[in-house]
C-alpha atoms as a PDB file:
ATOM      1  CA  MET A   1     -72.698-232.986 -67.656  1.00  0.00           C
ATOM      2  CA  SER A   2     -70.544-236.357 -67.229  1.00  0.00           C
ATOM      3  CA  GLY A   3     -67.025-237.637 -66.870  1.00  0.00           C
ATOM      4  CA  PRO A   4     -64.525-235.613 -64.757  1.00  0.00           C
ATOM      5  CA  TRP A   5     -66.651-232.360 -64.567  1.00  0.00           C
ATOM      6  CA  LEU A   6     -69.294-234.453 -62.797  1.00  0.00           C
ATOM      7  CA  LEU A   7     -66.785-236.129 -60.392  1.00  0.00           C
ATOM      8  CA  ALA A   8     -65.493-232.451 -59.532  1.00  0.00           C
ATOM      9  CA  LEU A   9     -68.787-231.133 -59.002  1.00  0.00           C
ATOM     10  CA  PHE A  10     -69.438-234.016 -56.629  1.00  0.00           C
ATOM     11  CA  VAL A  11     -66.032-233.496 -54.738  1.00  0.00           C
ATOM     12  CA  ILE A  12     -66.866-229.861 -54.290  1.00  0.00           C
ATOM     13  CA  ILE A  13     -70.511-230.165 -53.145  1.00  0.00           C
ATOM     14  CA  ARG A  14     -70.353-233.213 -51.064  1.00  0.00           C
ATOM     15  CA  PRO A  15     -68.386-231.834 -48.042  1.00  0.00           C
ATOM     16  CA  MET A  16     -70.531-228.878 -47.972  1.00  0.00           C
ATOM     17  CA  LYS A  17     -73.490-231.118 -46.974  1.00  0.00           C
ATOM     18  CA  SER A  18     -71.736-231.710 -43.557  1.00  0.00           C
ATOM     19  CA  VAL A  19     -71.880-228.207 -42.615  1.00  0.00           C
ATOM     20  CA  ASP A  20     -75.567-227.391 -43.597  1.00  0.00           C
ATOM     21  CA  ALA A  21     -76.999-227.942 -40.095  1.00  0.00           C
ATOM     22  CA  GLY A  22     -75.115-224.941 -39.166  1.00  0.00           C
ATOM     23  CA  LEU A  23     -76.715-222.835 -41.682  1.00  0.00           C
ATOM     24  CA  ILE A  24     -80.275-223.505 -41.766  1.00  0.00           C
ATOM     25  CA  GLU A  25     -82.881-221.209 -40.643  1.00  0.00           C
ATOM     26  CA  LYS A  26     -86.265-222.544 -39.280  1.00  0.00           C
ATOM     27  CA  PHE A  27     -89.416-221.012 -40.337  1.00  0.00           C
ATOM     28  CA  VAL A  28     -91.375-219.625 -37.351  1.00  0.00           C
ATOM     29  CA  SER A  29     -94.335-217.309 -38.993  1.00  0.00           C
ATOM     30  CA  LYS A  30     -95.240-215.370 -41.848  1.00  0.00           C
ATOM     31  CA  LYS A  31     -96.870-211.896 -42.524  1.00  0.00           C
ATOM     32  CA  VAL A  32     -98.197-210.909 -46.021  1.00  0.00           C
ATOM     33  CA  VAL A  33     -97.710-207.261 -46.169  1.00  0.00           C
ATOM     34  CA  TRP A  34     -99.044-206.845 -49.778  1.00  0.00           C
ATOM     35  CA  SER A  35    -101.147-209.238 -52.083  1.00  0.00           C
ATOM     36  CA  GLY A  36    -100.746-208.107 -55.618  1.00  0.00           C
ATOM     37  CA  ARG A  37    -101.929-209.395 -59.173  1.00  0.00           C
ATOM     38  CA  ALA A  38     -98.662-211.008 -60.063  1.00  0.00           C
ATOM     39  CA  VAL A  39     -96.572-211.484 -56.651  1.00  0.00           C
ATOM     40  CA  ASP A  40     -96.996-211.268 -52.802  1.00  0.00           C
ATOM     41  CA  PHE A  41     -94.816-209.512 -50.523  1.00  0.00           C
ATOM     42  CA  ARG A  42     -93.769-211.573 -47.288  1.00  0.00           C
ATOM     43  CA  VAL A  43     -92.145-210.878 -43.978  1.00  0.00           C
ATOM     44  CA  ASP A  44     -91.308-214.189 -42.355  1.00  0.00           C
ATOM     45  CA  THR A  45     -90.074-214.758 -38.745  1.00  0.00           C
ATOM     46  CA  ILE A  46     -87.339-217.149 -38.758  1.00  0.00           C
ATOM     47  CA  SER A  47     -85.119-218.789 -36.161  1.00  0.00           C
ATOM     48  CA  LEU A  48     -81.422-218.411 -36.778  1.00  0.00           C
ATOM     49  CA  PRO A  49     -78.942-221.518 -36.243  1.00  0.00           C
ATOM     50  CA  SER A  50     -77.870-219.570 -33.200  1.00  0.00           C
ATOM     51  CA  GLY A  51     -81.320-219.564 -31.847  1.00  0.00           C
ATOM     52  CA  LYS A  52     -81.906-215.989 -32.148  1.00  0.00           C
ATOM     53  CA  ARG A  53     -84.928-214.592 -34.173  1.00  0.00           C
ATOM     54  CA  ALA A  54     -84.718-212.572 -37.288  1.00  0.00           C
ATOM     55  CA  THR A  55     -86.983-211.480 -40.245  1.00  0.00           C
ATOM     56  CA  ARG A  56     -86.588-212.236 -43.944  1.00  0.00           C
ATOM     57  CA  GLU A  57     -88.218-209.895 -46.516  1.00  0.00           C
ATOM     58  CA  TYR A  58     -89.055-211.705 -49.916  1.00  0.00           C
ATOM     59  CA  ILE A  59     -91.321-211.815 -52.905  1.00  0.00           C
ATOM     60  CA  ASP A  60     -93.699-215.234 -52.990  1.00  0.00           C
ATOM     61  CA  HIS A  61     -93.694-216.135 -56.797  1.00  0.00           C
ATOM     62  CA  PRO A  62     -95.768-218.711 -58.208  1.00  0.00           C
ATOM     63  CA  GLY A  63     -93.000-219.461 -60.766  1.00  0.00           C
ATOM     64  CA  ALA A  64     -92.451-218.747 -64.382  1.00  0.00           C
ATOM     65  CA  VAL A  65     -91.140-220.028 -67.714  1.00  0.00           C
ATOM     66  CA  GLY A  66     -88.892-219.086 -70.439  1.00  0.00           C
ATOM     67  CA  VAL A  67     -88.252-220.611 -73.843  1.00  0.00           C
ATOM     68  CA  ILE A  68     -85.860-220.121 -76.746  1.00  0.00           C
ATOM     69  CA  PRO A  69     -87.894-220.838 -79.976  1.00  0.00           C
ATOM     70  CA  PHE A  70     -85.431-222.150 -82.805  1.00  0.00           C
ATOM     71  CA  LEU A  71     -87.226-220.964 -86.135  1.00  0.00           C
ATOM     72  CA  ASP A  72     -84.373-222.968 -87.632  1.00  0.00           C
ATOM     73  CA  LYS A  73     -80.762-224.064 -86.283  1.00  0.00           C
ATOM     74  CA  ASP A  74     -79.352-220.886 -86.699  1.00  0.00           C
ATOM     75  CA  THR A  75     -82.267-218.373 -86.030  1.00  0.00           C
ATOM     76  CA  VAL A  76     -84.565-217.697 -82.791  1.00  0.00           C
ATOM     77  CA  VAL A  77     -87.565-215.992 -82.133  1.00  0.00           C
ATOM     78  CA  MET A  78     -87.317-213.180 -79.716  1.00  0.00           C
ATOM     79  CA  VAL A  79     -89.389-210.410 -78.357  1.00  0.00           C
ATOM     80  CA  ARG A  80     -89.044-206.875 -77.929  1.00  0.00           C
ATOM     81  CA  GLN A  81     -90.948-204.814 -74.778  1.00  0.00           C
ATOM     82  CA  TYR A  82     -90.790-202.014 -72.586  1.00  0.00           C
ATOM     83  CA  ARG A  83     -89.951-202.974 -68.917  1.00  0.00           C
ATOM     84  CA  HIS A  84     -91.005-200.287 -66.497  1.00  0.00           C
ATOM     85  CA  PRO A  85     -88.398-201.371 -63.715  1.00  0.00           C
ATOM     86  CA  VAL A  86     -85.546-200.710 -65.733  1.00  0.00           C
ATOM     87  CA  ARG A  87     -87.314-197.895 -67.979  1.00  0.00           C
ATOM     88  CA  GLU A  88     -86.024-199.649 -71.225  1.00  0.00           C
ATOM     89  CA  VAL A  89     -87.231-201.641 -74.257  1.00  0.00           C
ATOM     90  CA  THR A  90     -85.354-205.083 -73.827  1.00  0.00           C
ATOM     91  CA  LEU A  91     -84.822-207.820 -75.898  1.00  0.00           C
ATOM     92  CA  GLU A  92     -85.832-211.113 -74.255  1.00  0.00           C
ATOM     93  CA  LEU A  93     -86.906-214.788 -75.133  1.00  0.00           C
ATOM     94  CA  PRO A  94     -90.702-215.243 -74.787  1.00  0.00           C
ATOM     95  CA  ALA A  95     -91.518-216.125 -71.033  1.00  0.00           C
ATOM     96  CA  GLY A  96     -94.405-215.668 -68.432  1.00  0.00           C
ATOM     97  CA  LYS A  97     -95.909-216.384 -65.159  1.00  0.00           C
ATOM     98  CA  LEU A  98     -97.448-219.571 -64.047  1.00  0.00           C
ATOM     99  CA  ASP A  99    -101.243-219.280 -63.639  1.00  0.00           C
ATOM    100  CA  GLU A 100    -102.720-221.027 -60.682  1.00  0.00           C
ATOM    101  CA  GLY A 101    -102.546-224.907 -61.195  1.00  0.00           C
ATOM    102  CA  GLU A 102    -100.522-224.509 -64.267  1.00  0.00           C
ATOM    103  CA  SER A 103     -97.869-226.922 -65.215  1.00  0.00           C
ATOM    104  CA  PRO A 104     -94.745-225.339 -66.638  1.00  0.00           C
ATOM    105  CA  LEU A 105     -95.047-227.455 -69.837  1.00  0.00           C
ATOM    106  CA  THR A 106     -98.778-226.087 -70.236  1.00  0.00           C
ATOM    107  CA  CYS A 107     -97.407-222.604 -69.316  1.00  0.00           C
ATOM    108  CA  VAL A 108     -94.669-222.540 -71.968  1.00  0.00           C
ATOM    109  CA  LYS A 109     -96.807-223.745 -74.621  1.00  0.00           C
ATOM    110  CA  ARG A 110     -99.403-220.919 -73.777  1.00  0.00           C
ATOM    111  CA  GLU A 111     -96.635-218.104 -73.612  1.00  0.00           C
ATOM    112  CA  LEU A 112     -95.081-219.009 -76.688  1.00  0.00           C
ATOM    113  CA  HIS A 113     -98.146-218.775 -78.683  1.00  0.00           C
ATOM    114  CA  GLU A 114     -99.449-215.643 -77.143  1.00  0.00           C
ATOM    115  CA  GLU A 115     -96.163-213.743 -77.306  1.00  0.00           C
ATOM    116  CA  THR A 116     -95.151-214.947 -80.613  1.00  0.00           C
ATOM    117  CA  GLY A 117     -98.156-216.521 -82.370  1.00  0.00           C
ATOM    118  CA  TYR A 118     -95.888-219.830 -82.869  1.00  0.00           C
ATOM    119  CA  THR A 119     -96.766-223.165 -82.084  1.00  0.00           C
ATOM    120  CA  ALA A 120     -94.004-225.916 -81.666  1.00  0.00           C
ATOM    121  CA  ARG A 121     -93.908-229.523 -82.751  1.00  0.00           C
ATOM    122  CA  LYS A 122     -91.219-230.099 -79.994  1.00  0.00           C
ATOM    123  CA  ILE A 123     -90.676-228.665 -76.578  1.00  0.00           C
ATOM    124  CA  ARG A 124     -88.063-230.164 -74.488  1.00  0.00           C
ATOM    125  CA  PRO A 125     -86.865-228.916 -70.873  1.00  0.00           C
ATOM    126  CA  LEU A 126     -83.273-227.350 -70.517  1.00  0.00           C
ATOM    127  CA  PHE A 127     -83.385-226.902 -66.577  1.00  0.00           C
ATOM    128  CA  ASN A 128     -84.929-224.820 -63.802  1.00  0.00           C
ATOM    129  CA  TYR A 129     -83.362-222.259 -61.620  1.00  0.00           C
ATOM    130  CA  TRP A 130     -83.913-219.591 -58.803  1.00  0.00           C
ATOM    131  CA  PRO A 131     -83.362-216.228 -60.604  1.00  0.00           C
ATOM    132  CA  THR A 132     -82.932-214.110 -57.298  1.00  0.00           C
ATOM    133  CA  PRO A 133     -82.995-216.626 -54.260  1.00  0.00           C
ATOM    134  CA  ALA A 134     -81.880-213.881 -52.031  1.00  0.00           C
ATOM    135  CA  PHE A 135     -85.442-212.018 -52.040  1.00  0.00           C
ATOM    136  CA  ALA A 136     -87.704-214.265 -53.839  1.00  0.00           C
ATOM    137  CA  ASN A 137     -88.874-217.785 -54.112  1.00  0.00           C
ATOM    138  CA  GLU A 138     -89.484-217.896 -57.826  1.00  0.00           C
ATOM    139  CA  VAL A 139     -88.301-220.904 -59.827  1.00  0.00           C
ATOM    140  CA  LEU A 140     -87.956-220.406 -63.640  1.00  0.00           C
ATOM    141  CA  HIS A 141     -88.233-223.202 -65.717  1.00  0.00           C
ATOM    142  CA  LEU A 142     -86.476-223.048 -69.426  1.00  0.00           C
ATOM    143  CA  TYR A 143     -87.331-224.852 -72.521  1.00  0.00           C
ATOM    144  CA  VAL A 144     -86.167-225.254 -76.038  1.00  0.00           C
ATOM    145  CA  ALA A 145     -88.837-225.152 -78.786  1.00  0.00           C
ATOM    146  CA  GLU A 146     -88.455-226.779 -82.353  1.00  0.00           C
ATOM    147  CA  GLY A 147     -90.510-227.280 -85.396  1.00  0.00           C
ATOM    148  CA  LEU A 148     -92.239-224.042 -85.223  1.00  0.00           C
ATOM    149  CA  LYS A 149     -95.416-223.187 -87.041  1.00  0.00           C
ATOM    150  CA  ALA A 150     -96.586-219.499 -87.431  1.00  0.00           C
ATOM    151  CA  GLY A 151     -99.943-218.181 -86.265  1.00  0.00           C
ATOM    152  CA  LYS A 152    -101.421-215.015 -84.761  1.00  0.00           C
ATOM    153  CA  MET A 153    -100.180-213.487 -81.393  1.00  0.00           C
ATOM    154  CA  HIS A 154    -102.555-213.141 -78.420  1.00  0.00           C
ATOM    155  CA  THR A 155    -100.980-211.014 -76.001  1.00  0.00           C
ATOM    156  CA  ASP A 156    -102.962-209.526 -72.789  1.00  0.00           C
ATOM    157  CA  ALA A 157    -104.668-206.364 -72.938  1.00  0.00           C
ATOM    158  CA  ASP A 158    -101.707-204.410 -70.980  1.00  0.00           C
ATOM    159  CA  GLU A 159     -99.051-206.373 -73.072  1.00  0.00           C
ATOM    160  CA  PHE A 160     -97.553-204.560 -75.853  1.00  0.00           C
ATOM    161  CA  LEU A 161     -94.620-206.727 -77.814  1.00  0.00           C
ATOM    162  CA  GLN A 162     -92.930-206.700 -80.913  1.00  0.00           C
ATOM    163  CA  CYS A 163     -92.111-210.272 -82.127  1.00  0.00           C
ATOM    164  CA  VAL A 164     -88.490-210.414 -83.994  1.00  0.00           C
ATOM    165  CA  THR A 165     -86.162-212.966 -85.286  1.00  0.00           C
ATOM    166  CA  VAL A 166     -82.550-213.052 -84.568  1.00  0.00           C
ATOM    167  CA  PRO A 167     -79.562-215.045 -85.783  1.00  0.00           C
ATOM    168  CA  PHE A 168     -78.304-217.261 -82.800  1.00  0.00           C
ATOM    169  CA  ARG A 169     -74.830-216.487 -83.145  1.00  0.00           C
ATOM    170  CA  LYS A 170     -75.759-212.513 -83.075  1.00  0.00           C
ATOM    171  CA  ALA A 171     -78.030-213.005 -80.136  1.00  0.00           C
ATOM    172  CA  LEU A 172     -74.995-214.634 -78.307  1.00  0.00           C
ATOM    173  CA  GLN A 173     -72.713-211.702 -79.241  1.00  0.00           C
ATOM    174  CA  MET A 174     -75.299-209.400 -77.896  1.00  0.00           C
ATOM    175  CA  VAL A 175     -75.144-211.008 -74.642  1.00  0.00           C
ATOM    176  CA  MET A 176     -71.245-210.799 -74.516  1.00  0.00           C
ATOM    177  CA  ASN A 177     -71.379-207.050 -75.568  1.00  0.00           C
ATOM    178  CA  GLY A 178     -74.283-206.194 -72.878  1.00  0.00           C
ATOM    179  CA  GLU A 179     -76.840-205.562 -75.441  1.00  0.00           C
ATOM    180  CA  ILE A 180     -78.956-208.469 -73.767  1.00  0.00           C
ATOM    181  CA  ARG A 181     -79.347-208.231 -70.024  1.00  0.00           C
ATOM    182  CA  ASP A 182     -82.412-209.992 -69.135  1.00  0.00           C
ATOM    183  CA  SER A 183     -81.109-213.046 -66.993  1.00  0.00           C
ATOM    184  CA  LYS A 184     -83.091-215.924 -68.342  1.00  0.00           C
ATOM    185  CA  THR A 185     -82.359-214.865 -71.889  1.00  0.00           C
ATOM    186  CA  ILE A 186     -78.692-214.748 -71.272  1.00  0.00           C
ATOM    187  CA  ILE A 187     -78.657-218.001 -69.412  1.00  0.00           C
ATOM    188  CA  CYS A 188     -80.908-219.845 -71.767  1.00  0.00           C
ATOM    189  CA  LEU A 189     -78.988-218.632 -74.950  1.00  0.00           C
ATOM    190  CA  LEU A 190     -75.629-219.649 -73.342  1.00  0.00           C
ATOM    191  CA  ALA A 191     -76.920-222.853 -72.257  1.00  0.00           C
ATOM    192  CA  CYS A 192     -77.845-223.735 -75.726  1.00  0.00           C
ATOM    193  CA  ALA A 193     -74.457-222.411 -77.130  1.00  0.00           C
ATOM    194  CA  VAL A 194     -72.698-225.126 -74.635  1.00  0.00           C
ATOM    195  CA  GLU A 195     -75.015-227.858 -76.007  1.00  0.00           C
ATOM    196  CA  LYS A 196     -74.272-226.733 -79.530  1.00  0.00           C
ATOM    197  CA  GLY A 197     -70.483-226.445 -78.716  1.00  0.00           C
ATOM    198  CA  ILE A 198     -70.469-222.626 -79.796  1.00  0.00           C
ATOM    199  CA  ALA A 199     -68.222-220.304 -78.042  1.00  0.00           C
ATOM    200  CA  ALA A 200     -69.940-216.853 -77.092  1.00  0.00           C
ATOM    201  CA  LYS A 201     -67.501-214.129 -78.022  1.00  0.00           C
ATOM    202  CA  GLY A 202     -68.049-210.236 -77.672  1.00  0.00           C
ATOM    203  CA  GLN A 203     -66.521-207.760 -80.076  1.00  0.00           C
END
C-alpha cells in the first residue's frame, strides 16, 4: 500500500489516537474457567474508562497460521474437512495452531507438510490479523507458499482431510458465491487477488 491510499489511511487513523485514552480498559485480574487441549476460556476483571469494574469473557488462544500454496501461478492447494461447530465439510487453505514455543514460520512449514504432503521452496508472509477480537486474542499469520514439492501427508490421529487442487480464479468465484465461508481462506485468497490485480466476481 502506498501513495494516496496510505495518506488517506494516515489521515483517518491519526485523529483516532487522540481519543484512545477514553477507550482503554485496564486489566485487574484473570480467572481461567476452562483449560482445554487447544484453547483456554478466561474471564478477566477490568476497569472501565469510567472507573467502574466489569468482566470480559474470551478465548485465550496461542495463535495460528494459514497458507495459500500455489502449485503453479493459476492453481492452489486446499483441504476439505468436516468442521464440527458448523456441522459441514468446508473447503479451506491449510492451517493450524502454533505449538508452545513454535514460531509462525516453523508452524506454517509443519502444517503445510502435515495437511497436504507438500514442502515449499519459498514461503513468504502476507500479514497477520485478529479473526475475532471481540471474544478471542488469537493472532492468525497468513503466508504464501511457492515452488511446491509433493510428499506424503502426516495428519494427526483425530484429523481427517482431503487434499485437493483448485484453480485460483475458481476459488475466488467460490468466495463471492458463498461456497467458501472460512474467514482465513477468504482473506488470504482476496489478498492474493489484490496482489495479482485480479477482480473477484461472483456469478
